[in-house]
């Protein structure tokens, strides 16, 4: 690539130049570290985009974020203004310093989406969550609160929630009914995902009592064949209900295409008569993984949809 002498100044109108660099950063996030060193003006335009999504992992990129946040290299207002999505990718073996990570995340008061799991999702995360106005989460809240019964969806941070992928297990009838009762009280909730063996009465209760609900997905992790069988056994006949295979724990917080847009497409196809109204299994294009799991009947394959592309930022 031919290097341009920065001393010559911009060769294009600043508005157009900025639009080009921002488009390049959004289309190819791994290129952001290189774009930051093109020129001072480009750094000022692009740096906020570099902090839009924070991925908690053992990468140089995240360690740089910790250094900038905890070292005072940037004012707290920078992180409050620019950090919007949080994805958590760590295990107990990754060696990510949890307390410095929590301290840095307390500055990010503009976060609207959180997804992931690991040791950072713990009771110490609650003060971080409490200061937010969340829109989408995919979390084990039972790792944040002491017990399932103590999960407090009445907190202010959850009152703006529109999309919630519930990681918590709800196989017991009474516990499931208690939990969906809390979900039904969320004023903005439109999309919910539950997992595996949730009792049908609890699913029906959520569909009946959550006035804002548009999509309810049950994600299945125990193989395609058993998932299809479970979907065929459901007594539910609500068009908003969809079953599908679990694919990625962060998908519920991605931009489109994602779990929600695929489910919306499936529901619309049923309403338009392109899928039988008694079919509740949404077969995804990247499933089955092998011929042994292939569904046998045409009704089971009518819900095919497009594959989902994830979000990924490489190390700086």
C-alpha atoms as a PDB file:
ATOM      1  CA  UNK A   1       0.000   0.000   0.000  1.00  0.00           C
ATOM      2  CA  UNK A   2       1.383   3.422  -0.960  1.00  0.00           C
ATOM      3  CA  UNK A   3       2.006   5.629   2.056  1.00  0.00           C
ATOM      4  CA  UNK A   4       0.655   9.175   1.962  1.00  0.00           C
ATOM      5  CA  UNK A   5       2.714  11.993   3.417  1.00  0.00           C
ATOM      6  CA  UNK A   6       0.511  13.179   6.299  1.00  0.00           C
ATOM      7  CA  UNK A   7       2.169  16.602   6.198  1.00  0.00           C
ATOM      8  CA  UNK A   8       0.369  17.271   2.924  1.00  0.00           C
ATOM      9  CA  UNK A   9      -2.957  17.313   4.752  1.00  0.00           C
ATOM     10  CA  UNK A  10      -6.215  15.740   3.565  1.00  0.00           C
ATOM     11  CA  UNK A  11      -6.738  15.315  -0.170  1.00  0.00           C
ATOM     12  CA  UNK A  12     -10.508  14.992   0.166  1.00  0.00           C
ATOM     13  CA  UNK A  13     -13.136  17.084   1.961  1.00  0.00           C
ATOM     14  CA  UNK A  14     -12.917  16.189   5.677  1.00  0.00           C
ATOM     15  CA  UNK A  15     -16.540  15.000   5.772  1.00  0.00           C
ATOM     16  CA  UNK A  16     -15.962  12.534   2.936  1.00  0.00           C
ATOM     17  CA  UNK A  17     -12.625  11.407   4.319  1.00  0.00           C
ATOM     18  CA  UNK A  18     -14.186  10.713   7.698  1.00  0.00           C
ATOM     19  CA  UNK A  19     -17.055   8.780   6.116  1.00  0.00           C
ATOM     20  CA  UNK A  20     -14.574   6.597   4.207  1.00  0.00           C
ATOM     21  CA  UNK A  21     -12.467   5.790   7.277  1.00  0.00           C
ATOM     22  CA  UNK A  22     -15.482   5.093   9.479  1.00  0.00           C
ATOM     23  CA  UNK A  23     -16.966   2.808   6.829  1.00  0.00           C
ATOM     24  CA  UNK A  24     -13.651   0.944   6.536  1.00  0.00           C
ATOM     25  CA  UNK A  25     -13.514   0.463  10.321  1.00  0.00           C
ATOM     26  CA  UNK A  26     -17.098  -0.783  10.544  1.00  0.00           C
ATOM     27  CA  UNK A  27     -16.716  -3.206   7.620  1.00  0.00           C
ATOM     28  CA  UNK A  28     -13.363  -4.566   8.814  1.00  0.00           C
ATOM     29  CA  UNK A  29     -12.959  -4.156  12.614  1.00  0.00           C
ATOM     30  CA  UNK A  30      -9.547  -5.940  12.678  1.00  0.00           C
ATOM     31  CA  UNK A  31      -8.190  -3.063  10.577  1.00  0.00           C
ATOM     32  CA  UNK A  32      -8.924  -0.497  13.313  1.00  0.00           C
ATOM     33  CA  UNK A  33      -5.461  -0.655  14.976  1.00  0.00           C
ATOM     34  CA  UNK A  34      -3.835   0.160  11.628  1.00  0.00           C
ATOM     35  CA  UNK A  35      -6.279   2.956  10.870  1.00  0.00           C
ATOM     36  CA  UNK A  36      -5.544   4.599  14.218  1.00  0.00           C
ATOM     37  CA  UNK A  37      -1.969   5.395  13.166  1.00  0.00           C
ATOM     38  CA  UNK A  38      -2.784   6.875   9.746  1.00  0.00           C
ATOM     39  CA  UNK A  39      -3.122  10.450  11.049  1.00  0.00           C
ATOM     40  CA  UNK A  40      -4.193  12.295  14.193  1.00  0.00           C
ATOM     41  CA  UNK A  41      -7.523  13.312  12.683  1.00  0.00           C
ATOM     42  CA  UNK A  42      -8.240   9.681  11.718  1.00  0.00           C
ATOM     43  CA  UNK A  43      -7.457   8.570  15.259  1.00  0.00           C
ATOM     44  CA  UNK A  44      -9.996  11.044  16.617  1.00  0.00           C
ATOM     45  CA  UNK A  45     -12.660   9.687  14.252  1.00  0.00           C
ATOM     46  CA  UNK A  46     -11.935   5.973  14.618  1.00  0.00           C
ATOM     47  CA  UNK A  47     -10.920   5.533  18.233  1.00  0.00           C
ATOM     48  CA  UNK A  48     -14.525   5.664  19.540  1.00  0.00           C
ATOM     49  CA  UNK A  49     -15.392   2.811  17.170  1.00  0.00           C
ATOM     50  CA  UNK A  50     -12.535   0.762  18.610  1.00  0.00           C
ATOM     51  CA  UNK A  51     -14.208   0.940  22.022  1.00  0.00           C
ATOM     52  CA  UNK A  52     -17.799   0.381  20.878  1.00  0.00           C
ATOM     53  CA  UNK A  53     -17.537  -3.358  21.617  1.00  0.00           C
ATOM     54  CA  UNK A  54     -15.405  -4.593  24.517  1.00  0.00           C
ATOM     55  CA  UNK A  55     -14.567  -8.290  24.498  1.00  0.00           C
ATOM     56  CA  UNK A  56     -13.334  -9.582  27.839  1.00  0.00           C
ATOM     57  CA  UNK A  57     -10.657 -12.138  27.018  1.00  0.00           C
ATOM     58  CA  UNK A  58      -6.908 -12.656  27.372  1.00  0.00           C
ATOM     59  CA  UNK A  59      -6.044 -10.621  24.261  1.00  0.00           C
ATOM     60  CA  UNK A  60      -3.679  -7.663  23.991  1.00  0.00           C
ATOM     61  CA  UNK A  61      -6.662  -5.613  22.916  1.00  0.00           C
ATOM     62  CA  UNK A  62      -8.489  -6.154  26.209  1.00  0.00           C
ATOM     63  CA  UNK A  63      -5.355  -5.611  28.295  1.00  0.00           C
ATOM     64  CA  UNK A  64      -4.888  -2.313  26.460  1.00  0.00           C
ATOM     65  CA  UNK A  65      -8.473  -1.386  27.351  1.00  0.00           C
ATOM     66  CA  UNK A  66      -7.761  -2.123  31.024  1.00  0.00           C
ATOM     67  CA  UNK A  67      -4.604  -0.030  30.924  1.00  0.00           C
ATOM     68  CA  UNK A  68      -6.383   2.938  29.345  1.00  0.00           C
ATOM     69  CA  UNK A  69      -9.376   2.724  31.699  1.00  0.00           C
ATOM     70  CA  UNK A  70      -7.639   2.019  35.004  1.00  0.00           C
ATOM     71  CA  UNK A  71      -4.506   4.007  34.235  1.00  0.00           C
ATOM     72  CA  UNK A  72      -6.392   7.223  33.692  1.00  0.00           C
ATOM     73  CA  UNK A  73      -5.049   7.658  30.164  1.00  0.00           C
ATOM     74  CA  UNK A  74      -8.520   8.663  29.040  1.00  0.00           C
ATOM     75  CA  UNK A  75     -11.218  10.473  30.999  1.00  0.00           C
ATOM     76  CA  UNK A  76     -14.075   8.347  32.423  1.00  0.00           C
ATOM     77  CA  UNK A  77     -16.498  10.196  30.146  1.00  0.00           C
ATOM     78  CA  UNK A  78     -14.803   8.627  27.114  1.00  0.00           C
ATOM     79  CA  UNK A  79     -15.739   5.103  28.220  1.00  0.00           C
ATOM     80  CA  UNK A  80     -19.205   6.161  29.344  1.00  0.00           C
ATOM     81  CA  UNK A  81     -19.866   7.702  25.943  1.00  0.00           C
ATOM     82  CA  UNK A  82     -18.389   5.114  23.585  1.00  0.00           C
ATOM     83  CA  UNK A  83     -18.578   1.573  25.068  1.00  0.00           C
ATOM     84  CA  UNK A  84     -21.912  -0.005  24.109  1.00  0.00           C
ATOM     85  CA  UNK A  85     -21.537  -3.817  23.797  1.00  0.00           C
ATOM     86  CA  UNK A  86     -19.834  -6.191  26.261  1.00  0.00           C
ATOM     87  CA  UNK A  87     -18.947  -9.780  25.334  1.00  0.00           C
ATOM     88  CA  UNK A  88     -17.390 -12.056  27.951  1.00  0.00           C
ATOM     89  CA  UNK A  89     -15.027 -14.777  26.727  1.00  0.00           C
ATOM     90  CA  UNK A  90     -13.050 -15.943  29.734  1.00  0.00           C
ATOM     91  CA  UNK A  91     -12.668 -19.090  31.804  1.00  0.00           C
ATOM     92  CA  UNK A  92     -11.003 -19.599  35.172  1.00  0.00           C
ATOM     93  CA  UNK A  93      -7.793 -20.589  33.359  1.00  0.00           C
ATOM     94  CA  UNK A  94      -7.397 -17.461  31.226  1.00  0.00           C
ATOM     95  CA  UNK A  95      -5.700 -15.387  33.883  1.00  0.00           C
ATOM     96  CA  UNK A  96      -7.741 -12.233  33.201  1.00  0.00           C
ATOM     97  CA  UNK A  97      -7.504  -9.943  36.258  1.00  0.00           C
ATOM     98  CA  UNK A  98     -11.110  -9.845  37.451  1.00  0.00           C
ATOM     99  CA  UNK A  99     -11.005  -6.907  39.845  1.00  0.00           C
ATOM    100  CA  UNK A 100      -9.237  -4.577  37.342  1.00  0.00           C
ATOM    101  CA  UNK A 101     -11.768  -5.722  34.732  1.00  0.00           C
ATOM    102  CA  UNK A 102     -14.698  -4.902  37.018  1.00  0.00           C
ATOM    103  CA  UNK A 103     -13.172  -1.521  37.901  1.00  0.00           C
ATOM    104  CA  UNK A 104     -12.794  -0.649  34.223  1.00  0.00           C
ATOM    105  CA  UNK A 105     -16.323  -1.774  33.361  1.00  0.00           C
ATOM    106  CA  UNK A 106     -17.785   0.483  36.072  1.00  0.00           C
ATOM    107  CA  UNK A 107     -16.702   3.394  33.883  1.00  0.00           C
ATOM    108  CA  UNK A 108     -18.696   2.041  30.928  1.00  0.00           C
ATOM    109  CA  UNK A 109     -22.082   3.323  32.025  1.00  0.00           C
ATOM    110  CA  UNK A 110     -23.411   3.429  28.458  1.00  0.00           C
ATOM    111  CA  UNK A 111     -23.339  -0.349  27.904  1.00  0.00           C
ATOM    112  CA  UNK A 112     -26.639  -1.562  26.437  1.00  0.00           C
ATOM    113  CA  UNK A 113     -25.828  -5.185  25.536  1.00  0.00           C
ATOM    114  CA  UNK A 114     -24.055  -7.903  27.525  1.00  0.00           C
ATOM    115  CA  UNK A 115     -23.544 -11.551  26.617  1.00  0.00           C
ATOM    116  CA  UNK A 116     -21.304 -14.361  27.757  1.00  0.00           C
ATOM    117  CA  UNK A 117     -20.298 -16.445  30.742  1.00  0.00           C
ATOM    118  CA  UNK A 118     -17.342 -17.143  32.973  1.00  0.00           C
ATOM    119  CA  UNK A 119     -15.921 -16.026  36.322  1.00  0.00           C
ATOM    120  CA  UNK A 120     -16.582 -12.346  35.587  1.00  0.00           C
ATOM    121  CA  UNK A 121     -20.326 -13.104  35.655  1.00  0.00           C
ATOM    122  CA  UNK A 122     -20.526 -13.180  39.442  1.00  0.00           C
ATOM    123  CA  UNK A 123     -21.979 -11.238  42.373  1.00  0.00           C
ATOM    124  CA  UNK A 124     -19.351  -8.530  41.902  1.00  0.00           C
ATOM    125  CA  UNK A 125     -20.824  -7.769  38.466  1.00  0.00           C
ATOM    126  CA  UNK A 126     -24.079  -6.541  40.016  1.00  0.00           C
ATOM    127  CA  UNK A 127     -22.770  -3.020  40.813  1.00  0.00           C
ATOM    128  CA  UNK A 128     -21.734  -2.733  37.155  1.00  0.00           C
ATOM    129  CA  UNK A 129     -25.158  -3.837  35.933  1.00  0.00           C
ATOM    130  CA  UNK A 130     -27.022  -1.628  38.388  1.00  0.00           C
ATOM    131  CA  UNK A 131     -25.802   1.567  36.735  1.00  0.00           C
ATOM    132  CA  UNK A 132     -26.808   0.570  33.213  1.00  0.00           C
ATOM    133  CA  UNK A 133     -29.895   0.853  31.042  1.00  0.00           C
ATOM    134  CA  UNK A 134     -29.739  -2.499  29.310  1.00  0.00           C
ATOM    135  CA  UNK A 135     -31.465  -3.424  26.063  1.00  0.00           C
ATOM    136  CA  UNK A 136     -30.188  -6.962  25.355  1.00  0.00           C
ATOM    137  CA  UNK A 137     -28.591  -9.532  27.632  1.00  0.00           C
ATOM    138  CA  UNK A 138     -27.621 -13.188  27.411  1.00  0.00           C
ATOM    139  CA  UNK A 139     -26.496 -14.188  30.897  1.00  0.00           C
ATOM    140  CA  UNK A 140     -26.765 -16.550  33.851  1.00  0.00           C
ATOM    141  CA  UNK A 141     -28.335 -14.142  36.324  1.00  0.00           C
ATOM    142  CA  UNK A 142     -28.162 -16.960  38.879  1.00  0.00           C
ATOM    143  CA  UNK A 143     -24.391 -16.390  38.812  1.00  0.00           C
ATOM    144  CA  UNK A 144     -24.959 -12.726  39.694  1.00  0.00           C
ATOM    145  CA  UNK A 145     -27.668 -13.217  42.335  1.00  0.00           C
ATOM    146  CA  UNK A 146     -27.280 -15.795  45.143  1.00  0.00           C
ATOM    147  CA  UNK A 147     -30.283 -17.948  44.180  1.00  0.00           C
ATOM    148  CA  UNK A 148     -32.798 -18.265  41.348  1.00  0.00           C
ATOM    149  CA  UNK A 149     -35.535 -16.967  43.635  1.00  0.00           C
ATOM    150  CA  UNK A 150     -33.441 -13.875  44.394  1.00  0.00           C
ATOM    151  CA  UNK A 151     -32.953 -12.782  40.764  1.00  0.00           C
ATOM    152  CA  UNK A 152     -34.285  -9.218  40.879  1.00  0.00           C
ATOM    153  CA  UNK A 153     -35.649  -8.201  37.501  1.00  0.00           C
ATOM    154  CA  UNK A 154     -37.261  -5.203  39.163  1.00  0.00           C
ATOM    155  CA  UNK A 155     -33.942  -3.328  39.171  1.00  0.00           C
ATOM    156  CA  UNK A 156     -33.823  -0.194  37.035  1.00  0.00           C
ATOM    157  CA  UNK A 157     -31.168  -1.678  34.730  1.00  0.00           C
ATOM    158  CA  UNK A 158     -33.662  -4.294  33.499  1.00  0.00           C
ATOM    159  CA  UNK A 159     -36.626  -1.978  32.941  1.00  0.00           C
ATOM    160  CA  UNK A 160     -35.339  -1.034  29.466  1.00  0.00           C
ATOM    161  CA  UNK A 161     -34.654  -4.649  28.476  1.00  0.00           C
ATOM    162  CA  UNK A 162     -36.146  -5.639  25.109  1.00  0.00           C
ATOM    163  CA  UNK A 163     -34.251  -8.890  24.319  1.00  0.00           C
ATOM    164  CA  UNK A 164     -33.310 -11.460  26.966  1.00  0.00           C
ATOM    165  CA  UNK A 165     -31.650 -14.830  26.376  1.00  0.00           C
ATOM    166  CA  UNK A 166     -32.263 -16.572  29.710  1.00  0.00           C
ATOM    167  CA  UNK A 167     -29.332 -18.887  30.459  1.00  0.00           C
ATOM    168  CA  UNK A 168     -30.737 -19.917  33.834  1.00  0.00           C
ATOM    169  CA  UNK A 169     -32.122 -23.474  33.929  1.00  0.00           C
ATOM    170  CA  UNK A 170     -35.848 -23.731  34.654  1.00  0.00           C
ATOM    171  CA  UNK A 171     -36.783 -27.450  34.605  1.00  0.00           C
ATOM    172  CA  UNK A 172     -38.880 -27.322  37.793  1.00  0.00           C
ATOM    173  CA  UNK A 173     -42.515 -26.273  37.379  1.00  0.00           C
ATOM    174  CA  UNK A 174     -42.757 -23.925  40.377  1.00  0.00           C
ATOM    175  CA  UNK A 175     -39.407 -22.226  39.742  1.00  0.00           C
ATOM    176  CA  UNK A 176     -40.181 -21.778  36.054  1.00  0.00           C
ATOM    177  CA  UNK A 177     -43.558 -20.183  36.804  1.00  0.00           C
ATOM    178  CA  UNK A 178     -41.918 -17.885  39.355  1.00  0.00           C
ATOM    179  CA  UNK A 179     -39.274 -16.782  36.859  1.00  0.00           C
ATOM    180  CA  UNK A 180     -41.608 -16.175  33.920  1.00  0.00           C
ATOM    181  CA  UNK A 181     -43.807 -14.170  36.300  1.00  0.00           C
ATOM    182  CA  UNK A 182     -40.868 -11.796  36.757  1.00  0.00           C
ATOM    183  CA  UNK A 183     -40.226 -11.700  33.008  1.00  0.00           C
ATOM    184  CA  UNK A 184     -43.848 -10.788  32.310  1.00  0.00           C
ATOM    185  CA  UNK A 185     -43.510  -7.643  34.421  1.00  0.00           C
ATOM    186  CA  UNK A 186     -40.677  -6.189  32.342  1.00  0.00           C
ATOM    187  CA  UNK A 187     -42.318  -3.255  30.511  1.00  0.00           C
ATOM    188  CA  UNK A 188     -40.269  -3.278  27.289  1.00  0.00           C
ATOM    189  CA  UNK A 189     -39.582  -6.992  26.790  1.00  0.00           C
ATOM    190  CA  UNK A 190     -40.346  -8.127  23.232  1.00  0.00           C
ATOM    191  CA  UNK A 191     -37.990 -11.082  22.640  1.00  0.00           C
ATOM    192  CA  UNK A 192     -37.185 -13.928  25.064  1.00  0.00           C
ATOM    193  CA  UNK A 193     -35.232 -17.141  24.738  1.00  0.00           C
ATOM    194  CA  UNK A 194     -35.454 -19.994  27.237  1.00  0.00           C
ATOM    195  CA  UNK A 195     -33.441 -23.209  27.147  1.00  0.00           C
ATOM    196  CA  UNK A 196     -34.061 -26.931  27.051  1.00  0.00           C
ATOM    197  CA  UNK A 197     -36.639 -28.577  29.376  1.00  0.00           C
ATOM    198  CA  UNK A 198     -38.791 -25.661  30.460  1.00  0.00           C
ATOM    199  CA  UNK A 199     -42.251 -26.962  31.497  1.00  0.00           C
ATOM    200  CA  UNK A 200     -44.876 -26.201  28.867  1.00  0.00           C
ATOM    201  CA  UNK A 201     -47.242 -24.479  31.352  1.00  0.00           C
ATOM    202  CA  UNK A 202     -44.529 -21.924  32.125  1.00  0.00           C
ATOM    203  CA  UNK A 203     -43.984 -21.247  28.416  1.00  0.00           C
ATOM    204  CA  UNK A 204     -47.740 -20.835  27.945  1.00  0.00           C
ATOM    205  CA  UNK A 205     -47.932 -18.539  30.982  1.00  0.00           C
ATOM    206  CA  UNK A 206     -45.279 -16.208  29.568  1.00  0.00           C
ATOM    207  CA  UNK A 207     -47.026 -16.038  26.202  1.00  0.00           C
ATOM    208  CA  UNK A 208     -50.306 -15.175  27.899  1.00  0.00           C
ATOM    209  CA  UNK A 209     -49.096 -12.671  30.485  1.00  0.00           C
ATOM    210  CA  UNK A 210     -46.252 -10.730  28.825  1.00  0.00           C
ATOM    211  CA  UNK A 211     -48.209  -8.060  26.965  1.00  0.00           C
ATOM    212  CA  UNK A 212     -45.260  -6.796  24.915  1.00  0.00           C
ATOM    213  CA  UNK A 213     -43.863 -10.181  23.853  1.00  0.00           C
ATOM    214  CA  UNK A 214     -43.436 -10.727  20.097  1.00  0.00           C
ATOM    215  CA  UNK A 215     -41.029 -13.685  19.965  1.00  0.00           C
ATOM    216  CA  UNK A 216     -40.436 -16.563  22.392  1.00  0.00           C
ATOM    217  CA  UNK A 217     -37.667 -18.988  21.439  1.00  0.00           C
ATOM    218  CA  UNK A 218     -36.843 -22.256  23.149  1.00  0.00           C
ATOM    219  CA  UNK A 219     -33.232 -23.148  22.330  1.00  0.00           C
ATOM    220  CA  UNK A 220     -32.384 -26.833  22.443  1.00  0.00           C
ATOM    221  CA  UNK A 221     -28.873 -28.174  23.118  1.00  0.00           C
ATOM    222  CA  UNK A 222     -29.465 -31.941  23.276  1.00  0.00           C
ATOM    223  CA  UNK A 223     -29.261 -32.846  19.587  1.00  0.00           C
ATOM    224  CA  UNK A 224     -31.406 -32.112  16.557  1.00  0.00           C
ATOM    225  CA  UNK A 225     -33.456 -35.329  16.680  1.00  0.00           C
ATOM    226  CA  UNK A 226     -34.551 -34.859  20.284  1.00  0.00           C
ATOM    227  CA  UNK A 227     -35.226 -31.186  19.626  1.00  0.00           C
ATOM    228  CA  UNK A 228     -37.512 -31.979  16.711  1.00  0.00           C
ATOM    229  CA  UNK A 229     -39.297 -34.587  18.835  1.00  0.00           C
ATOM    230  CA  UNK A 230     -39.778 -32.104  21.676  1.00  0.00           C
ATOM    231  CA  UNK A 231     -41.147 -29.483  19.275  1.00  0.00           C
ATOM    232  CA  UNK A 232     -43.608 -32.010  17.849  1.00  0.00           C
ATOM    233  CA  UNK A 233     -44.876 -32.746  21.348  1.00  0.00           C
ATOM    234  CA  UNK A 234     -45.595 -29.154  22.337  1.00  0.00           C
ATOM    235  CA  UNK A 235     -49.214 -28.351  23.195  1.00  0.00           C
ATOM    236  CA  UNK A 236     -48.568 -24.671  22.406  1.00  0.00           C
ATOM    237  CA  UNK A 237     -50.208 -23.219  19.321  1.00  0.00           C
ATOM    238  CA  UNK A 238     -49.113 -19.607  19.642  1.00  0.00           C
ATOM    239  CA  UNK A 239     -47.488 -18.316  16.430  1.00  0.00           C
ATOM    240  CA  UNK A 240     -44.899 -16.386  18.444  1.00  0.00           C
ATOM    241  CA  UNK A 241     -43.362 -19.601  19.797  1.00  0.00           C
ATOM    242  CA  UNK A 242     -40.301 -21.081  18.042  1.00  0.00           C
ATOM    243  CA  UNK A 243     -37.936 -23.941  18.854  1.00  0.00           C
ATOM    244  CA  UNK A 244     -34.447 -24.277  17.387  1.00  0.00           C
ATOM    245  CA  UNK A 245     -30.963 -25.566  18.116  1.00  0.00           C
ATOM    246  CA  UNK A 246     -28.701 -23.575  20.412  1.00  0.00           C
ATOM    247  CA  UNK A 247     -25.861 -22.080  18.375  1.00  0.00           C
ATOM    248  CA  UNK A 248     -23.900 -19.385  20.221  1.00  0.00           C
ATOM    249  CA  UNK A 249     -24.195 -17.887  23.698  1.00  0.00           C
ATOM    250  CA  UNK A 250     -23.620 -14.354  22.383  1.00  0.00           C
ATOM    251  CA  UNK A 251     -25.968 -14.480  19.415  1.00  0.00           C
ATOM    252  CA  UNK A 252     -28.851 -12.818  21.247  1.00  0.00           C
ATOM    253  CA  UNK A 253     -26.751  -9.647  21.575  1.00  0.00           C
ATOM    254  CA  UNK A 254     -25.446  -9.530  17.995  1.00  0.00           C
ATOM    255  CA  UNK A 255     -26.595  -7.092  15.389  1.00  0.00           C
ATOM    256  CA  UNK A 256     -28.661  -8.665  12.593  1.00  0.00           C
ATOM    257  CA  UNK A 257     -28.671 -11.354  11.368  1.00  0.00           C
ATOM    258  CA  UNK A 258     -29.112 -13.163  14.658  1.00  0.00           C
ATOM    259  CA  UNK A 259     -31.371 -15.530  16.585  1.00  0.00           C
ATOM    260  CA  UNK A 260     -34.137 -12.942  16.779  1.00  0.00           C
ATOM    261  CA  UNK A 261     -34.211 -11.981  13.106  1.00  0.00           C
ATOM    262  CA  UNK A 262     -34.221 -15.647  12.090  1.00  0.00           C
ATOM    263  CA  UNK A 263     -37.140 -16.327  14.445  1.00  0.00           C
ATOM    264  CA  UNK A 264     -39.015 -13.289  13.148  1.00  0.00           C
ATOM    265  CA  UNK A 265     -38.551 -14.525   9.590  1.00  0.00           C
ATOM    266  CA  UNK A 266     -39.788 -17.993  10.591  1.00  0.00           C
ATOM    267  CA  UNK A 267     -42.873 -16.534  12.299  1.00  0.00           C
ATOM    268  CA  UNK A 268     -43.664 -14.337   9.303  1.00  0.00           C
ATOM    269  CA  UNK A 269     -43.345 -17.316   6.949  1.00  0.00           C
ATOM    270  CA  UNK A 270     -45.886 -19.185   9.078  1.00  0.00           C
ATOM    271  CA  UNK A 271     -48.261 -16.241   8.982  1.00  0.00           C
ATOM    272  CA  UNK A 272     -47.920 -16.077   5.207  1.00  0.00           C
ATOM    273  CA  UNK A 273     -48.629 -19.799   4.885  1.00  0.00           C
ATOM    274  CA  UNK A 274     -45.155 -20.714   3.635  1.00  0.00           C
ATOM    275  CA  UNK A 275     -44.636 -22.932   6.707  1.00  0.00           C
ATOM    276  CA  UNK A 276     -47.332 -25.137   8.218  1.00  0.00           C
ATOM    277  CA  UNK A 277     -48.934 -23.493  11.251  1.00  0.00           C
ATOM    278  CA  UNK A 278     -48.355 -26.636  13.337  1.00  0.00           C
ATOM    279  CA  UNK A 279     -44.583 -26.556  12.724  1.00  0.00           C
ATOM    280  CA  UNK A 280     -42.638 -24.970  15.590  1.00  0.00           C
ATOM    281  CA  UNK A 281     -39.130 -26.270  14.811  1.00  0.00           C
ATOM    282  CA  UNK A 282     -36.907 -23.746  13.034  1.00  0.00           C
ATOM    283  CA  UNK A 283     -34.232 -25.664  11.173  1.00  0.00           C
ATOM    284  CA  UNK A 284     -31.137 -23.518  10.777  1.00  0.00           C
ATOM    285  CA  UNK A 285     -29.010 -23.679   7.671  1.00  0.00           C
ATOM    286  CA  UNK A 286     -25.884 -24.803   9.540  1.00  0.00           C
ATOM    287  CA  UNK A 287     -27.757 -27.668  11.237  1.00  0.00           C
ATOM    288  CA  UNK A 288     -27.750 -30.634  11.092  1.00  0.00           C
ATOM    289  CA  UNK A 289     -24.023 -31.090  11.405  1.00  0.00           C
ATOM    290  CA  UNK A 290     -24.178 -34.610   9.964  1.00  0.00           C
ATOM    291  CA  UNK A 291     -26.538 -36.945   8.170  1.00  0.00           C
ATOM    292  CA  UNK A 292     -27.424 -38.826  11.365  1.00  0.00           C
ATOM    293  CA  UNK A 293     -29.188 -35.728  12.687  1.00  0.00           C
ATOM    294  CA  UNK A 294     -30.999 -34.895   9.440  1.00  0.00           C
ATOM    295  CA  UNK A 295     -34.770 -34.496   9.886  1.00  0.00           C
ATOM    296  CA  UNK A 296     -36.804 -36.918   7.816  1.00  0.00           C
ATOM    297  CA  UNK A 297     -40.023 -35.116   7.006  1.00  0.00           C
ATOM    298  CA  UNK A 298     -40.533 -32.059   4.826  1.00  0.00           C
ATOM    299  CA  UNK A 299     -42.460 -30.334   7.632  1.00  0.00           C
ATOM    300  CA  UNK A 300     -39.329 -30.492   9.758  1.00  0.00           C
ATOM    301  CA  UNK A 301     -37.184 -28.750   7.156  1.00  0.00           C
ATOM    302  CA  UNK A 302     -39.526 -26.007   6.012  1.00  0.00           C
ATOM    303  CA  UNK A 303     -38.133 -23.541   8.536  1.00  0.00           C
ATOM    304  CA  UNK A 304     -34.675 -23.372   6.978  1.00  0.00           C
ATOM    305  CA  UNK A 305     -33.092 -19.979   7.281  1.00  0.00           C
ATOM    306  CA  UNK A 306     -29.855 -18.192   6.553  1.00  0.00           C
ATOM    307  CA  UNK A 307     -26.716 -18.914   8.600  1.00  0.00           C
ATOM    308  CA  UNK A 308     -25.690 -16.437  11.252  1.00  0.00           C
ATOM    309  CA  UNK A 309     -22.410 -14.562  11.096  1.00  0.00           C
ATOM    310  CA  UNK A 310     -20.851 -13.619  14.417  1.00  0.00           C
ATOM    311  CA  UNK A 311     -18.997 -10.530  15.487  1.00  0.00           C
ATOM    312  CA  UNK A 312     -15.257 -10.884  15.970  1.00  0.00           C
ATOM    313  CA  UNK A 313     -12.506  -8.430  16.788  1.00  0.00           C
ATOM    314  CA  UNK A 314      -8.915  -9.614  16.513  1.00  0.00           C
ATOM    315  CA  UNK A 315      -6.067  -8.712  18.810  1.00  0.00           C
ATOM    316  CA  UNK A 316      -4.471  -5.340  18.249  1.00  0.00           C
END
